[in-house]
């Protein structure tokens, strides 16, 4: 089982949904970067369960502790060990389905591969593990901010179920003002009513999330087997419940004529400097050409399927090879896409930090 991600910036995670704790080991972090638990906690608080009525009501404070790799407030260049205690497990919620394969979950495939499974909340396959990805992403952000003070990665939801935002009304200031990471204030009320209905019916809804990374330089990535967009796609597809990824215009680029689909360029004067630089007139490519960053905003969009755990009876089979019916009780997100937003941000930050350190190693 692979539990590690990245090359120059690398993290590995451990722990299960209903175990005593989850944790991560983050390696490759340069020395001398200011880092405290508060720098990580601010991002974990955005992902943690119980933060609104539209996510699972499991009450986990997700308080992170740094066990190694930091001395007198700065990274030492040695592995950074992180741990979060699990405090609100309810394993009894899963006792009735311990022999059943839940449709849409990894129960069946996990069992077929390993011959056993931890049925309590999905065990190692649970989205609980993504808390440690967010923690690693917080450290990745610190690396990138030290190198590029204007760096920023942020995400928003653009669709829940059948309800989309109006892209022309995109306002980043709105994202932190509602529980849906929604950049269009006009659809927040509709999303709330829709999810209230979904939850009352015992069902769930899918979502589309969009991540933007700005302030990263041109030149990250490689033209063949280490394409930046390929690594970003792999990182996002590794998030629980993600079923599709787009870079830039993605599949929409197929509807645009060739003369309009490719981002034209001009030279422009750099404000306050006696220099000129390339300016792109559009960003259909999502900030990546030939697997290498252009210096524009990097745009990644992904689709999250409806939460697999629902209260509506579903047909399945059990570990004995018998037909059965399953109802998944317990505390579950009516739309798991909501809490995936900070996870998507974190994975983009991890990939960019990894590629930045790899770029430095090769190109100086």
Protein backbone atom coordinates (compact mmCIF):
# COMPACT_ATOMS: atom_id res chain seq x y z
CA UNK A 1 0.00 0.00 0.00
CA UNK A 2 1.43 3.39 -1.00
CA UNK A 3 1.01 6.06 1.67
CA UNK A 4 3.48 8.68 0.40
CA UNK A 5 3.18 11.57 -2.04
CA UNK A 6 5.77 13.75 -3.78
CA UNK A 7 9.48 13.64 -4.54
CA UNK A 8 11.56 16.61 -3.32
CA UNK A 9 8.70 17.71 -1.05
CA UNK A 10 7.31 14.45 0.23
CA UNK A 11 4.80 13.46 2.86
CA UNK A 12 3.44 10.13 4.07
CA UNK A 13 0.33 9.65 6.19
CA UNK A 14 -0.86 7.02 8.62
CA UNK A 15 -3.94 6.20 10.68
CA UNK A 16 -7.57 5.18 10.25
CA UNK A 17 -10.91 6.92 10.61
CA UNK A 18 -11.72 5.22 13.91
CA UNK A 19 -8.22 4.61 15.21
CA UNK A 20 -6.70 6.57 18.11
CA UNK A 21 -5.01 9.15 15.86
CA UNK A 22 -3.95 10.12 12.35
CA UNK A 23 -0.59 11.55 11.41
CA UNK A 24 1.91 12.53 8.75
CA UNK A 25 5.63 12.71 8.19
CA UNK A 26 6.67 15.62 5.97
CA UNK A 27 10.15 15.48 4.49
CA UNK A 28 12.19 17.69 2.17
CA UNK A 29 11.24 20.95 3.89
CA UNK A 30 14.12 23.46 3.67
CA UNK A 31 15.55 24.67 6.99
CA UNK A 32 14.92 28.11 8.42
CA UNK A 33 11.23 28.48 7.55
CA UNK A 34 9.11 29.90 10.36
CA UNK A 35 6.55 27.27 11.32
CA UNK A 36 4.20 26.86 14.28
CA UNK A 37 1.16 24.72 14.94
CA UNK A 38 -1.05 27.78 14.40
CA UNK A 39 0.22 28.05 10.81
CA UNK A 40 -1.22 24.59 10.16
CA UNK A 41 -4.31 24.82 12.35
CA UNK A 42 -5.81 27.74 10.41
CA UNK A 43 -6.19 25.49 7.35
CA UNK A 44 -7.33 22.44 9.29
CA UNK A 45 -10.14 24.50 10.81
CA UNK A 46 -11.48 25.10 7.31
CA UNK A 47 -11.70 21.36 6.59
CA UNK A 48 -12.75 19.96 9.96
CA UNK A 49 -16.11 18.23 10.44
CA UNK A 50 -18.94 19.83 12.37
CA UNK A 51 -18.18 23.32 11.02
CA UNK A 52 -21.72 23.83 9.66
CA UNK A 53 -25.00 21.94 9.38
CA UNK A 54 -24.18 21.09 5.77
CA UNK A 55 -21.28 18.77 6.67
CA UNK A 56 -20.90 15.71 8.89
CA UNK A 57 -21.61 16.45 12.54
CA UNK A 58 -18.71 14.36 13.81
CA UNK A 59 -17.09 16.69 16.36
CA UNK A 60 -13.35 16.55 15.74
CA UNK A 61 -11.28 19.59 16.83
CA UNK A 62 -8.46 18.39 14.54
CA UNK A 63 -5.88 19.96 16.87
CA UNK A 64 -2.49 19.30 15.30
CA UNK A 65 0.75 18.75 17.21
CA UNK A 66 4.25 19.09 15.76
CA UNK A 67 6.45 16.34 17.18
CA UNK A 68 9.71 16.94 15.29
CA UNK A 69 11.48 18.98 12.65
CA UNK A 70 10.93 22.40 14.24
CA UNK A 71 13.27 24.11 16.72
CA UNK A 72 12.76 27.55 18.22
CA UNK A 73 9.98 28.27 15.73
CA UNK A 74 11.86 27.33 12.55
CA UNK A 75 12.16 24.21 10.43
CA UNK A 76 15.42 22.33 10.87
CA UNK A 77 15.49 20.51 7.53
CA UNK A 78 14.71 17.21 9.24
CA UNK A 79 11.40 15.30 8.91
CA UNK A 80 8.41 17.09 10.41
CA UNK A 81 6.13 14.70 12.30
CA UNK A 82 2.49 15.73 12.77
CA UNK A 83 -0.28 14.06 14.74
CA UNK A 84 -4.01 14.67 15.28
CA UNK A 85 -5.93 12.69 17.91
CA UNK A 86 -9.31 11.23 16.97
CA UNK A 87 -11.77 12.09 19.75
CA UNK A 88 -15.31 11.53 18.42
CA UNK A 89 -15.43 8.06 16.88
CA UNK A 90 -18.72 6.15 16.98
CA UNK A 91 -17.74 2.72 15.74
CA UNK A 92 -21.11 1.31 16.84
CA UNK A 93 -22.70 3.23 13.95
CA UNK A 94 -21.05 0.72 11.60
CA UNK A 95 -21.58 -2.57 13.47
CA UNK A 96 -24.72 -3.41 11.48
CA UNK A 97 -22.91 -3.16 8.13
CA UNK A 98 -19.60 -4.80 9.00
CA UNK A 99 -20.30 -7.68 6.59
CA UNK A 100 -21.91 -5.57 3.86
CA UNK A 101 -20.25 -3.82 0.91
CA UNK A 102 -21.61 -0.28 0.68
CA UNK A 103 -22.29 0.77 -2.95
CA UNK A 104 -20.01 3.60 -4.03
CA UNK A 105 -17.50 2.96 -1.24
CA UNK A 106 -14.15 1.21 -1.43
CA UNK A 107 -15.46 -1.65 0.74
CA UNK A 108 -15.60 -4.27 -2.02
CA UNK A 109 -12.37 -3.36 -3.82
CA UNK A 110 -10.43 -3.01 -0.55
CA UNK A 111 -11.67 -6.43 0.57
CA UNK A 112 -10.80 -8.06 -2.75
CA UNK A 113 -7.30 -6.62 -2.68
CA UNK A 114 -6.35 -7.19 0.98
CA UNK A 115 -8.71 -9.93 2.09
CA UNK A 116 -10.00 -7.88 5.04
CA UNK A 117 -11.14 -4.34 5.78
CA UNK A 118 -11.75 -1.95 8.65
CA UNK A 119 -15.49 -1.36 8.33
CA UNK A 120 -15.50 1.52 10.86
CA UNK A 121 -16.04 4.55 8.66
CA UNK A 122 -13.92 3.14 5.87
CA UNK A 123 -10.76 2.72 7.93
CA UNK A 124 -7.71 3.78 5.96
CA UNK A 125 -9.85 4.56 2.90
CA UNK A 126 -11.82 7.19 4.85
CA UNK A 127 -11.71 10.88 3.96
CA UNK A 128 -10.56 11.38 7.56
CA UNK A 129 -7.05 10.85 6.19
CA UNK A 130 -7.31 14.06 4.16
CA UNK A 131 -6.83 16.14 7.30
CA UNK A 132 -3.15 15.24 7.10
CA UNK A 133 -3.02 16.32 3.46
CA UNK A 134 -4.30 19.72 4.55
CA UNK A 135 -1.60 19.83 7.24
CA UNK A 136 1.10 18.99 4.69
CA UNK A 137 -0.38 21.60 2.35
CA UNK A 138 -0.01 24.23 5.06
CA UNK A 139 3.72 23.52 5.17
CA UNK A 140 3.89 23.59 1.36
CA UNK A 141 2.30 27.03 1.43
CA UNK A 142 5.05 28.25 3.80
CA UNK A 143 7.74 27.01 1.41
CA UNK A 144 6.12 28.75 -1.55
CA UNK A 145 5.45 31.98 0.33
CA UNK A 146 9.09 32.23 1.34
CA UNK A 147 10.13 31.94 -2.30
CA UNK A 148 7.21 33.91 -3.80
CA UNK A 149 5.65 36.42 -1.37
CA UNK A 150 2.64 36.95 -3.65
CA UNK A 151 1.81 33.24 -3.88
CA UNK A 152 -1.76 32.28 -3.07
CA UNK A 153 -3.89 29.19 -3.59
CA UNK A 154 -7.63 29.33 -3.03
CA UNK A 155 -10.66 27.30 -3.98
CA UNK A 156 -14.36 27.75 -4.57
CA UNK A 157 -17.38 25.59 -5.34
CA UNK A 158 -19.01 26.29 -8.68
CA UNK A 159 -21.78 23.68 -8.67
CA UNK A 160 -23.80 21.59 -6.21
CA UNK A 161 -26.07 18.99 -7.77
CA UNK A 162 -27.71 20.65 -10.80
CA UNK A 163 -27.23 24.22 -9.50
CA UNK A 164 -24.33 26.25 -10.94
CA UNK A 165 -22.95 29.67 -10.12
CA UNK A 166 -22.93 32.53 -12.63
CA UNK A 167 -19.22 32.90 -13.56
CA UNK A 168 -19.78 36.57 -14.37
CA UNK A 169 -20.68 37.16 -10.72
CA UNK A 170 -17.52 35.51 -9.34
CA UNK A 171 -16.37 37.37 -6.21
CA UNK A 172 -13.57 35.84 -4.13
CA UNK A 173 -14.62 37.97 -1.16
CA UNK A 174 -17.85 35.95 -0.95
CA UNK A 175 -16.09 32.61 -0.51
CA UNK A 176 -15.37 33.09 3.20
CA UNK A 177 -18.84 34.53 3.87
CA UNK A 178 -20.89 31.35 3.40
CA UNK A 179 -20.55 27.64 4.31
CA UNK A 180 -20.28 26.51 0.68
CA UNK A 181 -17.11 28.28 -0.50
CA UNK A 182 -19.43 29.93 -3.01
CA UNK A 183 -18.12 32.93 -5.03
CA UNK A 184 -21.61 33.92 -6.24
CA UNK A 185 -23.79 35.32 -3.45
CA UNK A 186 -26.87 34.88 -5.61
CA UNK A 187 -26.91 31.07 -5.42
CA UNK A 188 -26.04 30.57 -1.73
CA UNK A 189 -29.70 30.51 -0.70
CA UNK A 190 -30.61 28.07 -3.46
CA UNK A 191 -27.78 25.75 -2.45
CA UNK A 192 -28.89 25.87 1.19
CA UNK A 193 -32.49 24.95 0.31
CA UNK A 194 -31.34 22.23 -2.06
CA UNK A 195 -29.06 20.57 0.52
CA UNK A 196 -31.74 20.83 3.21
CA UNK A 197 -34.02 18.87 0.88
CA UNK A 198 -31.30 16.35 0.02
CA UNK A 199 -30.50 15.75 3.67
CA UNK A 200 -34.17 15.31 4.67
CA UNK A 201 -34.55 12.72 1.91
CA UNK A 202 -31.54 10.81 3.22
CA UNK A 203 -29.74 11.33 -0.08
CA UNK A 204 -26.58 13.22 -1.13
CA UNK A 205 -25.31 15.53 -3.87
CA UNK A 206 -22.21 15.95 -5.99
CA UNK A 207 -20.24 19.12 -6.63
CA UNK A 208 -17.68 20.87 -8.81
CA UNK A 209 -14.72 22.66 -7.20
CA UNK A 210 -12.29 25.09 -8.80
CA UNK A 211 -8.79 25.84 -7.44
CA UNK A 212 -6.70 28.86 -8.48
CA UNK A 213 -3.00 29.24 -7.65
CA UNK A 214 -1.50 32.65 -8.32
CA UNK A 215 1.99 34.06 -7.85
CA UNK A 216 3.86 30.91 -8.91
CA UNK A 217 6.65 31.49 -11.46
CA UNK A 218 6.96 30.33 -15.03
CA UNK A 219 9.11 27.23 -15.48
CA UNK A 220 7.73 24.71 -12.99
CA UNK A 221 7.22 21.24 -14.39
CA UNK A 222 8.80 19.36 -17.28
CA UNK A 223 7.85 18.58 -20.88
CA UNK A 224 7.61 14.79 -20.77
CA UNK A 225 7.13 12.56 -17.70
CA UNK A 226 6.95 15.21 -14.98
CA UNK A 227 4.36 17.49 -16.51
CA UNK A 228 2.98 19.91 -13.96
CA UNK A 229 -0.59 19.41 -15.15
CA UNK A 230 -0.20 15.62 -15.05
CA UNK A 231 1.03 15.73 -11.45
CA UNK A 232 -1.76 18.12 -10.49
CA UNK A 233 -4.34 15.82 -12.07
CA UNK A 234 -2.92 12.80 -10.23
CA UNK A 235 -2.91 14.71 -6.92
CA UNK A 236 -6.52 15.79 -7.30
CA UNK A 237 -7.70 12.38 -8.49
CA UNK A 238 -6.16 10.96 -5.31
CA UNK A 239 -8.72 12.84 -3.20
CA UNK A 240 -11.64 10.70 -2.00
CA UNK A 241 -14.75 10.84 -4.23
CA UNK A 242 -13.11 12.83 -7.05
CA UNK A 243 -14.15 11.44 -10.45
CA UNK A 244 -12.83 13.99 -12.96
CA UNK A 245 -10.23 16.76 -13.34
CA UNK A 246 -9.82 19.63 -15.80
CA UNK A 247 -6.93 22.06 -16.29
CA UNK A 248 -7.91 25.49 -17.57
CA UNK A 249 -10.87 25.25 -19.91
CA UNK A 250 -10.60 21.46 -19.84
CA UNK A 251 -13.25 19.73 -21.94
CA UNK A 252 -14.73 23.14 -22.80
CA UNK A 253 -11.72 23.91 -24.99
CA UNK A 254 -13.12 21.55 -27.63
CA UNK A 255 -15.90 24.01 -28.45
CA UNK A 256 -13.56 26.96 -29.09
CA UNK A 257 -12.07 27.62 -32.56
CA UNK A 258 -8.32 27.10 -32.76
CA UNK A 259 -7.58 30.79 -33.39
CA UNK A 260 -9.33 31.66 -30.11
CA UNK A 261 -8.42 28.65 -27.97
CA UNK A 262 -4.69 29.35 -27.76
CA UNK A 263 -3.55 32.16 -25.48
CA UNK A 264 -1.99 35.02 -27.47
CA UNK A 265 1.02 36.91 -26.13
CA UNK A 266 2.39 40.44 -26.13
CA UNK A 267 5.27 42.23 -24.40
CA UNK A 268 4.47 44.75 -21.67
CA UNK A 269 6.43 47.11 -19.44
CA UNK A 270 6.92 45.95 -15.86
CA UNK A 271 5.50 48.63 -13.51
CA UNK A 272 8.25 50.36 -11.51
CA UNK A 273 11.06 48.55 -13.34
CA UNK A 274 13.09 49.22 -16.43
CA UNK A 275 12.12 45.89 -17.92
CA UNK A 276 9.58 44.15 -20.11
CA UNK A 277 7.86 40.80 -19.75
CA UNK A 278 5.51 38.49 -21.59
CA UNK A 279 1.80 39.12 -21.09
CA UNK A 280 -0.81 36.50 -21.99
CA UNK A 281 -4.07 37.88 -23.36
CA UNK A 282 -6.17 34.97 -22.06
CA UNK A 283 -5.75 31.83 -19.96
CA UNK A 284 -7.53 28.95 -21.67
CA UNK A 285 -4.55 26.72 -20.84
CA UNK A 286 -4.97 27.19 -17.10
CA UNK A 287 -1.45 28.52 -16.60
CA UNK A 288 0.35 25.46 -18.00
CA UNK A 289 1.79 24.88 -21.50
CA UNK A 290 3.64 21.72 -22.48
CA UNK A 291 3.62 20.56 -18.87
CA UNK A 292 5.39 23.73 -17.65
CA UNK A 293 3.88 26.71 -15.80
CA UNK A 294 3.51 29.99 -17.69
CA UNK A 295 3.42 32.32 -14.68
CA UNK A 296 -0.30 32.88 -15.06
CA UNK A 297 -2.88 31.66 -12.57
CA UNK A 298 -2.93 27.86 -12.47
CA UNK A 299 -6.56 26.74 -12.69
CA UNK A 300 -7.69 23.22 -11.73
CA UNK A 301 -11.31 22.10 -11.70
CA UNK A 302 -12.63 18.78 -10.38
CA UNK A 303 -15.86 16.85 -9.97
CA UNK A 304 -16.82 15.22 -6.66
CA UNK A 305 -19.42 12.46 -6.73
CA UNK A 306 -22.38 12.41 -4.30
CA UNK A 307 -21.50 11.09 -0.86
CA UNK A 308 -21.74 7.29 -0.97
CA UNK A 309 -23.28 6.93 2.50
CA UNK A 310 -27.04 7.48 2.26
CA UNK A 311 -30.08 6.57 4.37
CA UNK A 312 -32.03 5.26 1.38
CA UNK A 313 -31.89 1.42 1.18
CA UNK A 314 -29.51 0.23 -1.55
CA UNK A 315 -28.99 -3.21 -3.06
CA UNK A 316 -25.63 -4.84 -2.39
CA UNK A 317 -23.95 -8.12 -1.45
CA UNK A 318 -22.16 -9.26 1.69
CA UNK A 319 -18.79 -10.89 2.41
CA UNK A 320 -20.47 -14.33 2.22
CA UNK A 321 -21.54 -13.80 -1.40
CA UNK A 322 -25.23 -13.24 -0.62
CA UNK A 323 -27.56 -10.55 -1.93
CA UNK A 324 -28.45 -7.96 0.69
CA UNK A 325 -29.78 -4.46 1.32
CA UNK A 326 -27.81 -1.77 3.11
CA UNK A 327 -28.69 1.50 4.86
CA UNK A 328 -25.69 3.53 6.00
CA UNK A 329 -26.45 5.18 9.33
CA UNK A 330 -24.23 7.60 11.24
CA UNK A 331 -23.00 11.13 10.54
CA UNK A 332 -22.21 11.88 6.91
CA UNK A 333 -21.76 14.88 4.62
CA UNK A 334 -24.80 15.49 2.40
CA UNK A 335 -22.28 16.94 -0.06
CA UNK A 336 -18.71 15.78 0.51
CA UNK A 337 -17.53 18.31 -2.06
CA UNK A 338 -17.85 21.09 0.52
CA UNK A 339 -15.06 19.81 2.74
CA UNK A 340 -12.96 18.82 -0.27
CA UNK A 341 -12.20 22.46 -1.10
CA UNK A 342 -9.35 22.93 1.45
CA UNK A 343 -8.09 19.46 0.51
CA UNK A 344 -7.92 20.48 -3.16
CA UNK A 345 -6.08 23.66 -2.19
CA UNK A 346 -3.61 21.64 -0.14
CA UNK A 347 -2.88 19.15 -2.91
CA UNK A 348 -2.22 21.95 -5.41
CA UNK A 349 0.14 23.60 -2.90
CA UNK A 350 1.96 20.30 -2.30
CA UNK A 351 2.49 19.72 -6.03
CA UNK A 352 3.75 23.26 -6.59
CA UNK A 353 6.13 23.10 -3.61
CA UNK A 354 7.46 19.77 -4.87
CA UNK A 355 8.00 21.13 -8.38
CA UNK A 356 9.61 24.30 -7.06
CA UNK A 357 12.19 22.32 -5.06
CA UNK A 358 12.79 20.01 -8.03
CA UNK A 359 13.22 23.03 -10.30
CA UNK A 360 15.78 24.54 -7.92
CA UNK A 361 17.71 21.29 -7.81
CA UNK A 362 18.00 21.09 -11.61
CA UNK A 363 18.06 24.71 -12.74
CA UNK A 364 19.48 26.56 -9.72
